[in-house]
Amino acid sequence: MRSTRDFLTGLLTGVAIGILTAPRSGKETRDKLVEEANKRSDDLKDQFGKVKDQANQYVEQAKDQFGKVKDQANQYVGQVKDQANQLVGQAKDQFNQTKGQAQSEFDAHKYEAKNEYNNTVDDAADKAKSGINSAKESIKVD
């Protein structure tokens, strides 16, 4: 950009010097200066338009790149969410399986303990009955 500006400055300076030193009347010189100024102004407008168009292209390219990156990021986020949900599901399944096994073992031990308790109570009742019967026999008078 700087070299373009320096070039245009030099060009305008050279044209101005050439016009001012040319053997013309004041009106012709002024008209020539206005004509050259208009021509250079149009050239500058064209250059500005080109720079503006190029800047707009860069902006559009940046927007496109950003959109692509955003889409990719959203895709990765979706994949991570899917994997996380899958892992959560697996963890829940494992928890429920372990819970079921623990419940089964608890129920089995509970049943065994209940049977053992009932057997102990039955044995104690049988012994008590036997003791009572023995006591009755020993008290019995013939």
N, C-alpha and C. Protein backbone atom coordinates (compact mmCIF):
# COMPACT_ATOMS: atom_id res chain seq x y z
N MET A 1 0.82 -1.19 0.00
CA MET A 1 0.00 0.00 0.00
C MET A 1 0.87 1.26 0.00
N ARG A 2 1.97 1.24 0.74
CA ARG A 2 2.81 2.43 0.83
C ARG A 2 3.45 2.73 -0.51
N SER A 3 3.89 1.69 -1.22
CA SER A 3 4.53 1.94 -2.52
C SER A 3 3.52 2.51 -3.51
N THR A 4 2.27 2.08 -3.43
CA THR A 4 1.23 2.63 -4.31
C THR A 4 0.99 4.09 -3.99
N ARG A 5 0.95 4.41 -2.71
CA ARG A 5 0.73 5.79 -2.29
C ARG A 5 1.90 6.67 -2.73
N ASP A 6 3.11 6.18 -2.54
CA ASP A 6 4.30 6.95 -2.96
C ASP A 6 4.30 7.15 -4.48
N PHE A 7 3.93 6.11 -5.19
CA PHE A 7 3.86 6.22 -6.65
C PHE A 7 2.85 7.27 -7.08
N LEU A 8 1.66 7.23 -6.48
CA LEU A 8 0.62 8.20 -6.84
C LEU A 8 1.03 9.62 -6.47
N THR A 9 1.67 9.77 -5.33
CA THR A 9 2.14 11.11 -4.91
C THR A 9 3.15 11.64 -5.92
N GLY A 10 4.09 10.80 -6.30
CA GLY A 10 5.10 11.21 -7.29
C GLY A 10 4.47 11.55 -8.63
N LEU A 11 3.52 10.72 -9.03
CA LEU A 11 2.84 10.96 -10.31
C LEU A 11 2.11 12.29 -10.29
N LEU A 12 1.34 12.53 -9.22
CA LEU A 12 0.60 13.79 -9.12
C LEU A 12 1.54 15.00 -9.08
N THR A 13 2.63 14.86 -8.36
CA THR A 13 3.61 15.96 -8.28
C THR A 13 4.19 16.24 -9.66
N GLY A 14 4.55 15.18 -10.39
CA GLY A 14 5.12 15.37 -11.73
C GLY A 14 4.14 16.01 -12.68
N VAL A 15 2.88 15.56 -12.62
CA VAL A 15 1.85 16.14 -13.49
C VAL A 15 1.64 17.61 -13.14
N ALA A 16 1.57 17.93 -11.85
CA ALA A 16 1.36 19.32 -11.44
C ALA A 16 2.50 20.21 -11.91
N ILE A 17 3.72 19.75 -11.77
CA ILE A 17 4.88 20.55 -12.21
C ILE A 17 4.84 20.74 -13.72
N GLY A 18 4.50 19.66 -14.43
CA GLY A 18 4.44 19.75 -15.90
C GLY A 18 3.38 20.72 -16.35
N ILE A 19 2.24 20.70 -15.69
CA ILE A 19 1.14 21.59 -16.09
C ILE A 19 1.48 23.04 -15.76
N LEU A 20 2.06 23.24 -14.57
CA LEU A 20 2.36 24.61 -14.15
C LEU A 20 3.47 25.26 -15.00
N THR A 21 4.36 24.47 -15.51
CA THR A 21 5.47 25.04 -16.29
C THR A 21 5.16 25.08 -17.78
N ALA A 22 4.06 24.50 -18.20
CA ALA A 22 3.71 24.51 -19.63
C ALA A 22 3.29 25.92 -20.04
N PRO A 23 3.61 26.31 -21.31
CA PRO A 23 3.27 27.66 -21.78
C PRO A 23 1.81 27.74 -22.20
N ARG A 24 0.91 27.94 -21.23
CA ARG A 24 -0.52 28.08 -21.50
C ARG A 24 -1.04 29.28 -20.75
N SER A 25 -2.28 29.66 -21.12
CA SER A 25 -2.90 30.77 -20.41
C SER A 25 -3.37 30.29 -19.04
N GLY A 26 -3.71 31.19 -18.15
CA GLY A 26 -4.17 30.86 -16.79
C GLY A 26 -5.42 30.01 -16.82
N LYS A 27 -6.38 30.35 -17.69
CA LYS A 27 -7.61 29.59 -17.77
C LYS A 27 -7.33 28.19 -18.28
N GLU A 28 -6.50 28.08 -19.32
CA GLU A 28 -6.16 26.75 -19.85
C GLU A 28 -5.45 25.91 -18.78
N THR A 29 -4.55 26.54 -18.04
CA THR A 29 -3.81 25.82 -17.00
C THR A 29 -4.77 25.34 -15.92
N ARG A 30 -5.71 26.23 -15.50
CA ARG A 30 -6.69 25.83 -14.48
C ARG A 30 -7.56 24.69 -14.98
N ASP A 31 -8.03 24.81 -16.22
CA ASP A 31 -8.86 23.75 -16.80
C ASP A 31 -8.08 22.44 -16.86
N LYS A 32 -6.83 22.53 -17.26
CA LYS A 32 -5.98 21.33 -17.35
C LYS A 32 -5.78 20.73 -15.96
N LEU A 33 -5.56 21.59 -14.96
CA LEU A 33 -5.39 21.11 -13.58
C LEU A 33 -6.67 20.41 -13.09
N VAL A 34 -7.82 21.01 -13.36
CA VAL A 34 -9.09 20.41 -12.94
C VAL A 34 -9.29 19.07 -13.65
N GLU A 35 -8.98 19.05 -14.95
CA GLU A 35 -9.12 17.81 -15.72
C GLU A 35 -8.22 16.71 -15.15
N GLU A 36 -6.95 17.06 -14.89
CA GLU A 36 -6.01 16.08 -14.33
C GLU A 36 -6.42 15.65 -12.92
N ALA A 37 -6.92 16.61 -12.13
CA ALA A 37 -7.36 16.28 -10.78
C ALA A 37 -8.55 15.32 -10.83
N ASN A 38 -9.48 15.59 -11.75
CA ASN A 38 -10.63 14.70 -11.90
C ASN A 38 -10.19 13.30 -12.34
N LYS A 39 -9.25 13.26 -13.30
CA LYS A 39 -8.76 11.97 -13.79
C LYS A 39 -8.08 11.20 -12.65
N ARG A 40 -7.24 11.88 -11.88
CA ARG A 40 -6.53 11.23 -10.76
C ARG A 40 -7.54 10.83 -9.66
N SER A 41 -8.53 11.67 -9.47
CA SER A 41 -9.56 11.35 -8.48
C SER A 41 -10.30 10.08 -8.89
N ASP A 42 -10.61 9.97 -10.18
CA ASP A 42 -11.26 8.76 -10.67
C ASP A 42 -10.36 7.54 -10.50
N ASP A 43 -9.06 7.74 -10.78
CA ASP A 43 -8.11 6.63 -10.60
C ASP A 43 -8.06 6.19 -9.12
N LEU A 44 -8.03 7.18 -8.24
CA LEU A 44 -8.00 6.86 -6.81
C LEU A 44 -9.29 6.15 -6.38
N LYS A 45 -10.43 6.60 -6.93
CA LYS A 45 -11.70 5.94 -6.61
C LYS A 45 -11.68 4.49 -7.08
N ASP A 46 -11.12 4.29 -8.29
CA ASP A 46 -11.01 2.91 -8.80
C ASP A 46 -10.13 2.07 -7.89
N GLN A 47 -8.99 2.63 -7.48
CA GLN A 47 -8.07 1.90 -6.58
C GLN A 47 -8.76 1.60 -5.25
N PHE A 48 -9.48 2.60 -4.74
CA PHE A 48 -10.19 2.40 -3.48
C PHE A 48 -11.25 1.30 -3.63
N GLY A 49 -11.96 1.33 -4.76
CA GLY A 49 -12.98 0.30 -5.01
C GLY A 49 -12.36 -1.09 -5.06
N LYS A 50 -11.19 -1.18 -5.71
CA LYS A 50 -10.51 -2.49 -5.78
C LYS A 50 -10.09 -2.96 -4.39
N VAL A 51 -9.54 -2.04 -3.60
CA VAL A 51 -9.12 -2.39 -2.23
C VAL A 51 -10.33 -2.80 -1.40
N LYS A 52 -11.42 -2.05 -1.57
CA LYS A 52 -12.64 -2.36 -0.83
C LYS A 52 -13.17 -3.74 -1.23
N ASP A 53 -13.19 -4.02 -2.53
CA ASP A 53 -13.65 -5.33 -3.00
C ASP A 53 -12.77 -6.46 -2.45
N GLN A 54 -11.47 -6.23 -2.47
CA GLN A 54 -10.55 -7.24 -1.95
C GLN A 54 -10.77 -7.44 -0.46
N ALA A 55 -10.97 -6.36 0.26
CA ALA A 55 -11.23 -6.48 1.71
C ALA A 55 -12.53 -7.24 1.95
N ASN A 56 -13.55 -6.97 1.14
CA ASN A 56 -14.82 -7.70 1.28
C ASN A 56 -14.62 -9.19 0.99
N GLN A 57 -13.79 -9.49 0.01
CA GLN A 57 -13.49 -10.90 -0.28
C GLN A 57 -12.83 -11.56 0.92
N TYR A 58 -11.87 -10.85 1.53
CA TYR A 58 -11.20 -11.41 2.70
C TYR A 58 -12.18 -11.61 3.85
N VAL A 59 -13.09 -10.66 4.01
CA VAL A 59 -14.09 -10.79 5.08
C VAL A 59 -14.98 -12.00 4.81
N GLU A 60 -15.41 -12.17 3.57
CA GLU A 60 -16.25 -13.33 3.22
C GLU A 60 -15.51 -14.64 3.42
N GLN A 61 -14.23 -14.65 3.03
CA GLN A 61 -13.42 -15.86 3.24
C GLN A 61 -13.28 -16.16 4.73
N ALA A 62 -13.07 -15.11 5.52
CA ALA A 62 -12.95 -15.31 6.96
C ALA A 62 -14.26 -15.84 7.54
N LYS A 63 -15.39 -15.30 7.06
CA LYS A 63 -16.70 -15.77 7.53
C LYS A 63 -16.89 -17.24 7.16
N ASP A 64 -16.52 -17.59 5.92
CA ASP A 64 -16.64 -18.98 5.49
C ASP A 64 -15.78 -19.89 6.35
N GLN A 65 -14.54 -19.48 6.60
CA GLN A 65 -13.64 -20.28 7.43
C GLN A 65 -14.19 -20.43 8.85
N PHE A 66 -14.70 -19.31 9.38
CA PHE A 66 -15.27 -19.36 10.72
C PHE A 66 -16.46 -20.30 10.75
N GLY A 67 -17.31 -20.24 9.71
CA GLY A 67 -18.46 -21.14 9.65
C GLY A 67 -18.04 -22.59 9.61
N LYS A 68 -16.99 -22.88 8.83
CA LYS A 68 -16.49 -24.25 8.75
C LYS A 68 -15.94 -24.72 10.09
N VAL A 69 -15.17 -23.85 10.73
CA VAL A 69 -14.59 -24.20 12.04
C VAL A 69 -15.70 -24.39 13.07
N LYS A 70 -16.70 -23.53 13.01
CA LYS A 70 -17.83 -23.63 13.94
C LYS A 70 -18.58 -24.94 13.71
N ASP A 71 -18.81 -25.28 12.45
CA ASP A 71 -19.50 -26.54 12.14
C ASP A 71 -18.69 -27.74 12.64
N GLN A 72 -17.38 -27.68 12.43
CA GLN A 72 -16.52 -28.77 12.90
C GLN A 72 -16.56 -28.87 14.42
N ALA A 73 -16.50 -27.73 15.08
CA ALA A 73 -16.55 -27.73 16.55
C ALA A 73 -17.87 -28.30 17.03
N ASN A 74 -18.97 -27.92 16.39
CA ASN A 74 -20.28 -28.45 16.78
C ASN A 74 -20.34 -29.96 16.55
N GLN A 75 -19.72 -30.41 15.47
CA GLN A 75 -19.68 -31.85 15.19
C GLN A 75 -18.90 -32.57 16.29
N TYR A 76 -17.75 -32.02 16.68
CA TYR A 76 -16.96 -32.64 17.75
C TYR A 76 -17.72 -32.63 19.07
N VAL A 77 -18.40 -31.53 19.35
CA VAL A 77 -19.18 -31.44 20.59
C VAL A 77 -20.28 -32.50 20.58
N GLY A 78 -20.92 -32.67 19.44
CA GLY A 78 -21.95 -33.71 19.32
C GLY A 78 -21.39 -35.10 19.55
N GLN A 79 -20.20 -35.35 18.99
CA GLN A 79 -19.57 -36.66 19.18
C GLN A 79 -19.22 -36.89 20.65
N VAL A 80 -18.70 -35.85 21.30
CA VAL A 80 -18.35 -35.98 22.72
C VAL A 80 -19.61 -36.23 23.55
N LYS A 81 -20.69 -35.52 23.24
CA LYS A 81 -21.95 -35.73 23.97
C LYS A 81 -22.45 -37.16 23.77
N ASP A 82 -22.38 -37.65 22.53
CA ASP A 82 -22.82 -39.01 22.25
C ASP A 82 -21.99 -40.02 23.05
N GLN A 83 -20.68 -39.83 23.06
CA GLN A 83 -19.81 -40.74 23.81
C GLN A 83 -20.08 -40.65 25.30
N ALA A 84 -20.29 -39.44 25.80
CA ALA A 84 -20.59 -39.27 27.22
C ALA A 84 -21.90 -39.96 27.58
N ASN A 85 -22.91 -39.78 26.73
CA ASN A 85 -24.20 -40.45 26.99
C ASN A 85 -24.06 -41.96 26.94
N GLN A 86 -23.24 -42.44 26.02
CA GLN A 86 -23.00 -43.88 25.93
C GLN A 86 -22.32 -44.39 27.21
N LEU A 87 -21.32 -43.66 27.68
CA LEU A 87 -20.62 -44.06 28.91
C LEU A 87 -21.55 -44.00 30.12
N VAL A 88 -22.40 -42.98 30.18
CA VAL A 88 -23.36 -42.88 31.28
C VAL A 88 -24.31 -44.07 31.23
N GLY A 89 -24.76 -44.42 30.04
CA GLY A 89 -25.64 -45.58 29.89
C GLY A 89 -24.96 -46.86 30.34
N GLN A 90 -23.70 -47.03 29.95
CA GLN A 90 -22.95 -48.22 30.37
C GLN A 90 -22.78 -48.25 31.89
N ALA A 91 -22.50 -47.09 32.47
CA ALA A 91 -22.33 -47.03 33.93
C ALA A 91 -23.63 -47.37 34.63
N LYS A 92 -24.76 -46.87 34.12
CA LYS A 92 -26.05 -47.19 34.72
C LYS A 92 -26.35 -48.68 34.61
N ASP A 93 -26.06 -49.25 33.44
CA ASP A 93 -26.28 -50.69 33.26
C ASP A 93 -25.43 -51.49 34.25
N GLN A 94 -24.17 -51.11 34.39
CA GLN A 94 -23.27 -51.82 35.31
C GLN A 94 -23.76 -51.66 36.74
N PHE A 95 -24.20 -50.45 37.10
CA PHE A 95 -24.72 -50.22 38.44
C PHE A 95 -25.94 -51.09 38.71
N ASN A 96 -26.87 -51.10 37.75
CA ASN A 96 -28.09 -51.90 37.94
C ASN A 96 -27.78 -53.39 38.02
N GLN A 97 -26.81 -53.84 37.23
CA GLN A 97 -26.42 -55.24 37.27
C GLN A 97 -25.81 -55.58 38.64
N THR A 98 -24.91 -54.73 39.10
CA THR A 98 -24.28 -54.95 40.41
C THR A 98 -25.31 -54.87 41.52
N LYS A 99 -26.23 -53.94 41.42
CA LYS A 99 -27.31 -53.81 42.41
C LYS A 99 -28.16 -55.07 42.43
N GLY A 100 -28.47 -55.60 41.25
CA GLY A 100 -29.26 -56.84 41.17
C GLY A 100 -28.53 -58.02 41.81
N GLN A 101 -27.23 -58.10 41.53
CA GLN A 101 -26.45 -59.19 42.13
C GLN A 101 -26.41 -59.05 43.65
N ALA A 102 -26.21 -57.83 44.13
CA ALA A 102 -26.15 -57.60 45.57
C ALA A 102 -27.50 -57.93 46.21
N GLN A 103 -28.57 -57.56 45.55
CA GLN A 103 -29.91 -57.86 46.07
C GLN A 103 -30.14 -59.36 46.12
N SER A 104 -29.70 -60.07 45.08
CA SER A 104 -29.85 -61.53 45.05
C SER A 104 -29.07 -62.18 46.19
N GLU A 105 -27.83 -61.73 46.38
CA GLU A 105 -27.02 -62.29 47.46
C GLU A 105 -27.63 -61.96 48.82
N PHE A 106 -28.12 -60.74 48.97
CA PHE A 106 -28.76 -60.36 50.23
C PHE A 106 -29.97 -61.25 50.50
N ASP A 107 -30.81 -61.44 49.48
CA ASP A 107 -32.00 -62.27 49.64
C ASP A 107 -31.61 -63.71 50.00
N ALA A 108 -30.54 -64.22 49.35
CA ALA A 108 -30.11 -65.59 49.64
C ALA A 108 -29.63 -65.69 51.09
N HIS A 109 -28.83 -64.75 51.54
CA HIS A 109 -28.33 -64.77 52.92
C HIS A 109 -29.48 -64.56 53.91
N LYS A 110 -30.41 -63.72 53.54
CA LYS A 110 -31.59 -63.47 54.38
C LYS A 110 -32.38 -64.77 54.55
N TYR A 111 -32.58 -65.50 53.48
CA TYR A 111 -33.32 -66.77 53.51
C TYR A 111 -32.57 -67.79 54.38
N GLU A 112 -31.24 -67.86 54.19
CA GLU A 112 -30.44 -68.79 54.98
C GLU A 112 -30.51 -68.42 56.47
N ALA A 113 -30.39 -67.12 56.77
CA ALA A 113 -30.43 -66.67 58.16
C ALA A 113 -31.80 -66.96 58.77
N LYS A 114 -32.83 -66.74 58.01
CA LYS A 114 -34.19 -67.01 58.49
C LYS A 114 -34.36 -68.49 58.78
N ASN A 115 -33.89 -69.35 57.88
CA ASN A 115 -33.99 -70.80 58.10
C ASN A 115 -33.17 -71.22 59.31
N GLU A 116 -31.99 -70.66 59.43
CA GLU A 116 -31.14 -71.00 60.58
C GLU A 116 -31.79 -70.56 61.89
N TYR A 117 -32.38 -69.37 61.88
CA TYR A 117 -33.09 -68.87 63.05
C TYR A 117 -34.26 -69.78 63.39
N ASN A 118 -35.07 -70.11 62.39
CA ASN A 118 -36.22 -70.99 62.62
C ASN A 118 -35.77 -72.35 63.14
N ASN A 119 -34.70 -72.90 62.58
CA ASN A 119 -34.18 -74.19 63.06
C ASN A 119 -33.72 -74.08 64.51
N THR A 120 -33.05 -72.97 64.83
CA THR A 120 -32.58 -72.77 66.20
C THR A 120 -33.77 -72.66 67.15
N VAL A 121 -34.79 -71.91 66.74
CA VAL A 121 -35.99 -71.77 67.56
C VAL A 121 -36.67 -73.12 67.72
N ASP A 122 -36.78 -73.88 66.61
CA ASP A 122 -37.41 -75.21 66.68
C ASP A 122 -36.62 -76.13 67.61
N ASP A 123 -35.28 -76.10 67.51
CA ASP A 123 -34.45 -76.93 68.39
C ASP A 123 -34.65 -76.54 69.85
N ALA A 124 -34.68 -75.22 70.11
CA ALA A 124 -34.87 -74.75 71.48
C ALA A 124 -36.25 -75.18 71.99
N ALA A 125 -37.26 -75.10 71.14
CA ALA A 125 -38.61 -75.51 71.54
C ALA A 125 -38.65 -77.01 71.81
N ASP A 126 -37.98 -77.78 70.93
CA ASP A 126 -37.94 -79.23 71.14
C ASP A 126 -37.23 -79.57 72.45
N LYS A 127 -36.12 -78.90 72.73
CA LYS A 127 -35.38 -79.15 73.97
C LYS A 127 -36.21 -78.75 75.18
N ALA A 128 -36.92 -77.59 75.05
CA ALA A 128 -37.76 -77.14 76.15
C ALA A 128 -38.88 -78.14 76.38
N LYS A 129 -39.48 -78.64 75.32
CA LYS A 129 -40.55 -79.62 75.44
C LYS A 129 -40.02 -80.90 76.05
N SER A 130 -38.85 -81.29 75.58
CA SER A 130 -38.24 -82.50 76.13
C SER A 130 -37.93 -82.32 77.61
N GLY A 131 -37.45 -81.14 77.98
CA GLY A 131 -37.16 -80.87 79.39
C GLY A 131 -38.42 -80.87 80.22
N ILE A 132 -39.48 -80.31 79.65
CA ILE A 132 -40.76 -80.28 80.36
C ILE A 132 -41.27 -81.70 80.53
N ASN A 133 -41.19 -82.48 79.49
CA ASN A 133 -41.64 -83.87 79.58
C ASN A 133 -40.80 -84.65 80.59
N SER A 134 -39.50 -84.40 80.60
CA SER A 134 -38.64 -85.07 81.58
C SER A 134 -39.02 -84.66 82.99
N ALA A 135 -39.32 -83.39 83.15
CA ALA A 135 -39.68 -82.90 84.47
C ALA A 135 -41.01 -83.51 84.89
N LYS A 136 -41.94 -83.63 83.95
CA LYS A 136 -43.22 -84.25 84.27
C LYS A 136 -43.01 -85.70 84.65
N GLU A 137 -42.18 -86.38 83.98
CA GLU A 137 -41.92 -87.79 84.25
C GLU A 137 -41.30 -87.93 85.65
N SER A 138 -40.41 -87.03 85.97
CA SER A 138 -39.78 -87.18 87.27
C SER A 138 -40.70 -86.77 88.41
N ILE A 139 -41.66 -85.95 88.15
CA ILE A 139 -42.60 -85.54 89.16
C ILE A 139 -43.71 -86.57 89.30
N LYS A 140 -43.98 -87.33 88.37
CA LYS A 140 -45.09 -88.25 88.36
C LYS A 140 -44.94 -89.25 89.50
N VAL A 141 -46.00 -89.38 90.17
CA VAL A 141 -46.03 -90.33 91.28
C VAL A 141 -46.90 -91.50 90.83
N ASP A 142 -46.45 -92.57 91.06
CA ASP A 142 -47.19 -93.75 90.65
C ASP A 142 -48.17 -94.19 91.61
